[in-house]
Amino acid sequence: MSENEKLEQAAAEQAVPAPAKPAKAEKKKDAKPDKKSKPGFFARLGKWFKELKAELKKVQWPTGKQTANNTVIVIVCCIVVGICIWVFDLVAGGVISALLALFGKG
């Protein structure tokens, strides 16, 4: 941007008055609720359990067959990853032993 354009833009910004800021709303003097308006511990606990039960009814639970299938998949994946790590460990150990033997320190 050239100097002239910067000066023109600055002059245009000064010519337009800034919008007036709205006044802040007054804060309430009584910010704390009355202790009488807050339900008791057991009432809140009962409400929590009712809401928990309502939410759990909305959950789509897997069938026994789906659960068994997913369990088998997880076990097979763990075995495959374990075998991959075991093979890598054997290869890395062999490479390190070969390097140590090559340089006469093993």
N, C-alpha and C. Protein backbone atom coordinates (compact mmCIF):
# COMPACT_ATOMS: atom_id res chain seq x y z
N MET A 1 0.86 -1.16 0.00
CA MET A 1 0.00 0.00 0.00
C MET A 1 0.91 1.23 0.00
N SER A 2 0.61 2.16 -0.85
CA SER A 2 1.45 3.35 -0.94
C SER A 2 1.17 4.30 0.21
N GLU A 3 2.05 5.28 0.38
CA GLU A 3 1.89 6.25 1.46
C GLU A 3 0.60 7.05 1.31
N ASN A 4 0.26 7.42 0.08
CA ASN A 4 -0.97 8.19 -0.15
C ASN A 4 -2.20 7.39 0.27
N GLU A 5 -2.21 6.12 -0.07
CA GLU A 5 -3.37 5.29 0.30
C GLU A 5 -3.46 5.15 1.81
N LYS A 6 -2.32 5.03 2.49
CA LYS A 6 -2.34 4.93 3.94
C LYS A 6 -2.88 6.20 4.57
N LEU A 7 -2.45 7.35 4.03
CA LEU A 7 -2.93 8.63 4.57
C LEU A 7 -4.42 8.79 4.32
N GLU A 8 -4.89 8.42 3.13
CA GLU A 8 -6.32 8.53 2.82
C GLU A 8 -7.14 7.61 3.72
N GLN A 9 -6.64 6.40 3.97
CA GLN A 9 -7.37 5.47 4.81
C GLN A 9 -7.42 5.98 6.25
N ALA A 10 -6.32 6.54 6.74
CA ALA A 10 -6.29 7.08 8.09
C ALA A 10 -7.25 8.26 8.23
N ALA A 11 -7.30 9.12 7.19
CA ALA A 11 -8.21 10.27 7.22
C ALA A 11 -9.67 9.80 7.20
N ALA A 12 -9.95 8.76 6.42
CA ALA A 12 -11.31 8.24 6.35
C ALA A 12 -11.73 7.64 7.68
N GLU A 13 -10.82 6.97 8.37
CA GLU A 13 -11.14 6.38 9.66
C GLU A 13 -11.39 7.46 10.71
N GLN A 14 -10.68 8.57 10.62
CA GLN A 14 -10.88 9.65 11.58
C GLN A 14 -12.19 10.38 11.31
N ALA A 15 -12.62 10.46 10.06
CA ALA A 15 -13.83 11.18 9.71
C ALA A 15 -15.07 10.46 10.19
N VAL A 16 -15.03 9.11 10.23
CA VAL A 16 -16.20 8.33 10.66
C VAL A 16 -16.16 8.21 12.17
N PRO A 17 -17.20 8.72 12.86
CA PRO A 17 -17.19 8.62 14.32
C PRO A 17 -17.40 7.17 14.76
N ALA A 18 -16.77 6.81 15.85
CA ALA A 18 -16.90 5.47 16.39
C ALA A 18 -18.30 5.29 16.95
N PRO A 19 -18.91 4.11 16.81
CA PRO A 19 -20.24 3.89 17.37
C PRO A 19 -20.21 3.99 18.88
N ALA A 20 -21.28 4.51 19.43
CA ALA A 20 -21.36 4.70 20.87
C ALA A 20 -21.47 3.34 21.55
N LYS A 21 -20.77 3.19 22.65
CA LYS A 21 -20.82 1.93 23.39
C LYS A 21 -22.05 1.95 24.29
N PRO A 22 -22.77 0.81 24.32
CA PRO A 22 -23.94 0.77 25.19
C PRO A 22 -23.51 0.78 26.65
N ALA A 23 -24.34 1.36 27.48
CA ALA A 23 -24.03 1.43 28.90
C ALA A 23 -24.09 0.03 29.51
N LYS A 24 -23.22 -0.20 30.45
CA LYS A 24 -23.21 -1.51 31.11
C LYS A 24 -24.45 -1.65 31.98
N ALA A 25 -24.98 -2.85 31.97
CA ALA A 25 -26.15 -3.11 32.80
C ALA A 25 -25.74 -3.13 34.27
N GLU A 26 -26.63 -2.68 35.11
CA GLU A 26 -26.33 -2.65 36.53
C GLU A 26 -26.25 -4.07 37.07
N LYS A 27 -25.30 -4.28 37.93
CA LYS A 27 -25.17 -5.60 38.54
C LYS A 27 -26.21 -5.72 39.65
N LYS A 28 -26.72 -6.93 39.77
CA LYS A 28 -27.68 -7.17 40.85
C LYS A 28 -26.94 -7.19 42.18
N LYS A 29 -27.53 -6.57 43.15
CA LYS A 29 -26.90 -6.52 44.46
C LYS A 29 -26.96 -7.88 45.13
N ASP A 30 -28.02 -8.62 44.87
CA ASP A 30 -28.19 -9.94 45.47
C ASP A 30 -27.73 -11.00 44.47
N ALA A 31 -26.43 -11.20 44.34
CA ALA A 31 -25.91 -12.17 43.39
C ALA A 31 -26.08 -13.60 43.90
N LYS A 32 -26.06 -13.78 45.22
CA LYS A 32 -26.20 -15.12 45.77
C LYS A 32 -27.68 -15.48 45.90
N PRO A 33 -28.06 -16.69 45.46
CA PRO A 33 -29.45 -17.10 45.64
C PRO A 33 -29.72 -17.44 47.10
N ASP A 34 -30.96 -17.34 47.48
CA ASP A 34 -31.34 -17.66 48.84
C ASP A 34 -31.12 -19.16 49.08
N LYS A 35 -30.76 -19.49 50.29
CA LYS A 35 -30.54 -20.91 50.60
C LYS A 35 -31.84 -21.68 50.53
N LYS A 36 -32.97 -21.00 50.72
CA LYS A 36 -34.26 -21.67 50.68
C LYS A 36 -34.63 -22.08 49.26
N SER A 37 -34.13 -21.35 48.24
CA SER A 37 -34.48 -21.67 46.86
C SER A 37 -33.69 -22.86 46.33
N LYS A 38 -32.57 -23.19 46.94
CA LYS A 38 -31.76 -24.31 46.50
C LYS A 38 -32.29 -25.60 47.14
N PRO A 39 -32.57 -26.63 46.30
CA PRO A 39 -33.08 -27.87 46.88
C PRO A 39 -32.02 -28.56 47.72
N GLY A 40 -32.46 -29.41 48.62
CA GLY A 40 -31.55 -30.11 49.51
C GLY A 40 -30.70 -31.15 48.79
N PHE A 41 -29.76 -31.69 49.52
CA PHE A 41 -28.82 -32.65 48.94
C PHE A 41 -29.54 -33.88 48.39
N PHE A 42 -30.44 -34.45 49.17
CA PHE A 42 -31.11 -35.68 48.75
C PHE A 42 -32.07 -35.42 47.60
N ALA A 43 -32.66 -34.23 47.54
CA ALA A 43 -33.53 -33.88 46.42
C ALA A 43 -32.72 -33.78 45.14
N ARG A 44 -31.54 -33.15 45.24
CA ARG A 44 -30.67 -33.04 44.07
C ARG A 44 -30.14 -34.41 43.65
N LEU A 45 -29.82 -35.25 44.62
CA LEU A 45 -29.33 -36.60 44.32
C LEU A 45 -30.42 -37.43 43.63
N GLY A 46 -31.66 -37.31 44.12
CA GLY A 46 -32.77 -38.02 43.49
C GLY A 46 -33.01 -37.55 42.07
N LYS A 47 -32.93 -36.23 41.86
CA LYS A 47 -33.10 -35.68 40.52
C LYS A 47 -31.99 -36.17 39.60
N TRP A 48 -30.77 -36.25 40.11
CA TRP A 48 -29.64 -36.72 39.31
C TRP A 48 -29.86 -38.16 38.86
N PHE A 49 -30.32 -39.03 39.78
CA PHE A 49 -30.56 -40.42 39.42
C PHE A 49 -31.70 -40.56 38.42
N LYS A 50 -32.74 -39.74 38.54
CA LYS A 50 -33.83 -39.77 37.56
C LYS A 50 -33.34 -39.38 36.18
N GLU A 51 -32.51 -38.33 36.11
CA GLU A 51 -31.96 -37.90 34.82
C GLU A 51 -31.00 -38.95 34.27
N LEU A 52 -30.23 -39.60 35.14
CA LEU A 52 -29.33 -40.66 34.72
C LEU A 52 -30.11 -41.82 34.10
N LYS A 53 -31.19 -42.20 34.74
CA LYS A 53 -32.02 -43.30 34.23
C LYS A 53 -32.61 -42.93 32.88
N ALA A 54 -33.06 -41.68 32.73
CA ALA A 54 -33.64 -41.24 31.46
C ALA A 54 -32.60 -41.25 30.35
N GLU A 55 -31.37 -40.84 30.65
CA GLU A 55 -30.31 -40.83 29.65
C GLU A 55 -29.91 -42.25 29.25
N LEU A 56 -29.85 -43.15 30.23
CA LEU A 56 -29.46 -44.52 29.93
C LEU A 56 -30.51 -45.24 29.09
N LYS A 57 -31.75 -44.81 29.17
CA LYS A 57 -32.80 -45.40 28.31
C LYS A 57 -32.60 -44.99 26.86
N LYS A 58 -31.94 -43.85 26.63
CA LYS A 58 -31.72 -43.36 25.27
C LYS A 58 -30.55 -44.06 24.58
N VAL A 59 -29.69 -44.72 25.36
CA VAL A 59 -28.49 -45.35 24.82
C VAL A 59 -28.89 -46.57 24.00
N GLN A 60 -28.25 -46.73 22.85
CA GLN A 60 -28.48 -47.92 22.02
C GLN A 60 -27.41 -48.95 22.41
N TRP A 61 -27.81 -49.91 23.21
CA TRP A 61 -26.88 -50.90 23.73
C TRP A 61 -26.61 -51.96 22.67
N PRO A 62 -25.36 -52.44 22.56
CA PRO A 62 -25.05 -53.50 21.59
C PRO A 62 -25.62 -54.83 22.05
N THR A 63 -25.88 -55.69 21.07
CA THR A 63 -26.37 -57.03 21.40
C THR A 63 -25.22 -57.87 21.92
N GLY A 64 -25.54 -59.04 22.46
CA GLY A 64 -24.51 -59.93 22.95
C GLY A 64 -23.59 -60.39 21.83
N LYS A 65 -24.17 -60.62 20.65
CA LYS A 65 -23.37 -61.06 19.50
C LYS A 65 -22.40 -59.97 19.07
N GLN A 66 -22.85 -58.70 19.05
CA GLN A 66 -21.97 -57.59 18.68
C GLN A 66 -20.84 -57.44 19.70
N THR A 67 -21.18 -57.59 20.97
CA THR A 67 -20.16 -57.46 22.02
C THR A 67 -19.11 -58.55 21.89
N ALA A 68 -19.55 -59.79 21.66
CA ALA A 68 -18.60 -60.90 21.50
C ALA A 68 -17.73 -60.69 20.26
N ASN A 69 -18.34 -60.23 19.16
CA ASN A 69 -17.59 -59.97 17.93
C ASN A 69 -16.53 -58.89 18.15
N ASN A 70 -16.91 -57.81 18.80
CA ASN A 70 -15.95 -56.72 19.07
C ASN A 70 -14.83 -57.19 20.00
N THR A 71 -15.16 -58.03 20.97
CA THR A 71 -14.15 -58.56 21.89
C THR A 71 -13.14 -59.41 21.15
N VAL A 72 -13.62 -60.27 20.25
CA VAL A 72 -12.72 -61.11 19.47
C VAL A 72 -11.82 -60.25 18.59
N ILE A 73 -12.37 -59.22 17.98
CA ILE A 73 -11.58 -58.32 17.13
C ILE A 73 -10.47 -57.65 17.94
N VAL A 74 -10.79 -57.19 19.13
CA VAL A 74 -9.79 -56.53 19.97
C VAL A 74 -8.69 -57.50 20.37
N ILE A 75 -9.06 -58.72 20.75
CA ILE A 75 -8.06 -59.72 21.16
C ILE A 75 -7.14 -60.06 19.99
N VAL A 76 -7.72 -60.26 18.80
CA VAL A 76 -6.91 -60.58 17.62
C VAL A 76 -5.96 -59.43 17.29
N CYS A 77 -6.45 -58.20 17.36
CA CYS A 77 -5.58 -57.04 17.08
C CYS A 77 -4.45 -56.95 18.08
N CYS A 78 -4.72 -57.23 19.35
CA CYS A 78 -3.66 -57.20 20.37
C CYS A 78 -2.61 -58.27 20.08
N ILE A 79 -3.05 -59.45 19.67
CA ILE A 79 -2.11 -60.52 19.35
C ILE A 79 -1.26 -60.14 18.14
N VAL A 80 -1.87 -59.58 17.10
CA VAL A 80 -1.12 -59.18 15.90
C VAL A 80 -0.10 -58.10 16.24
N VAL A 81 -0.48 -57.11 17.01
CA VAL A 81 0.45 -56.04 17.39
C VAL A 81 1.57 -56.62 18.25
N GLY A 82 1.25 -57.53 19.15
CA GLY A 82 2.27 -58.16 19.98
C GLY A 82 3.27 -58.94 19.14
N ILE A 83 2.78 -59.65 18.13
CA ILE A 83 3.68 -60.40 17.24
C ILE A 83 4.58 -59.42 16.47
N CYS A 84 4.02 -58.32 15.98
CA CYS A 84 4.83 -57.33 15.25
C CYS A 84 5.93 -56.76 16.14
N ILE A 85 5.60 -56.46 17.37
CA ILE A 85 6.61 -55.92 18.30
C ILE A 85 7.68 -56.97 18.59
N TRP A 86 7.26 -58.24 18.75
CA TRP A 86 8.20 -59.32 19.03
C TRP A 86 9.17 -59.49 17.85
N VAL A 87 8.63 -59.47 16.62
CA VAL A 87 9.48 -59.61 15.43
C VAL A 87 10.45 -58.43 15.34
N PHE A 88 9.97 -57.23 15.56
CA PHE A 88 10.85 -56.05 15.51
C PHE A 88 11.95 -56.16 16.56
N ASP A 89 11.60 -56.65 17.74
CA ASP A 89 12.59 -56.81 18.81
C ASP A 89 13.65 -57.82 18.41
N LEU A 90 13.23 -58.93 17.80
CA LEU A 90 14.21 -59.93 17.35
C LEU A 90 15.14 -59.35 16.28
N VAL A 91 14.56 -58.63 15.32
CA VAL A 91 15.37 -58.04 14.24
C VAL A 91 16.32 -57.00 14.81
N ALA A 92 15.82 -56.11 15.67
CA ALA A 92 16.67 -55.07 16.24
C ALA A 92 17.77 -55.68 17.10
N GLY A 93 17.44 -56.71 17.88
CA GLY A 93 18.45 -57.37 18.69
C GLY A 93 19.52 -58.02 17.82
N GLY A 94 19.10 -58.66 16.72
CA GLY A 94 20.06 -59.27 15.80
C GLY A 94 20.97 -58.24 15.16
N VAL A 95 20.40 -57.11 14.75
CA VAL A 95 21.19 -56.05 14.12
C VAL A 95 22.20 -55.48 15.12
N ILE A 96 21.78 -55.27 16.34
CA ILE A 96 22.69 -54.72 17.35
C ILE A 96 23.80 -55.72 17.66
N SER A 97 23.43 -57.00 17.78
CA SER A 97 24.46 -58.03 18.04
C SER A 97 25.45 -58.11 16.88
N ALA A 98 24.96 -58.03 15.65
CA ALA A 98 25.83 -58.08 14.48
C ALA A 98 26.76 -56.88 14.44
N LEU A 99 26.24 -55.69 14.76
CA LEU A 99 27.09 -54.49 14.78
C LEU A 99 28.15 -54.58 15.86
N LEU A 100 27.77 -55.07 17.03
CA LEU A 100 28.76 -55.20 18.11
C LEU A 100 29.82 -56.23 17.74
N ALA A 101 29.39 -57.32 17.11
CA ALA A 101 30.36 -58.34 16.69
C ALA A 101 31.26 -57.81 15.59
N LEU A 102 30.72 -56.98 14.70
CA LEU A 102 31.48 -56.41 13.59
C LEU A 102 32.57 -55.48 14.10
N PHE A 103 32.26 -54.72 15.12
CA PHE A 103 33.24 -53.77 15.64
C PHE A 103 34.05 -54.34 16.80
N GLY A 104 33.88 -55.64 17.10
CA GLY A 104 34.71 -56.32 18.09
C GLY A 104 34.39 -56.01 19.53
N LYS A 105 33.17 -55.58 19.82
CA LYS A 105 32.84 -55.25 21.22
C LYS A 105 31.84 -56.25 21.80
N GLY A 106 31.52 -57.29 21.08
CA GLY A 106 30.49 -58.18 21.57
C GLY A 106 30.91 -59.53 21.91
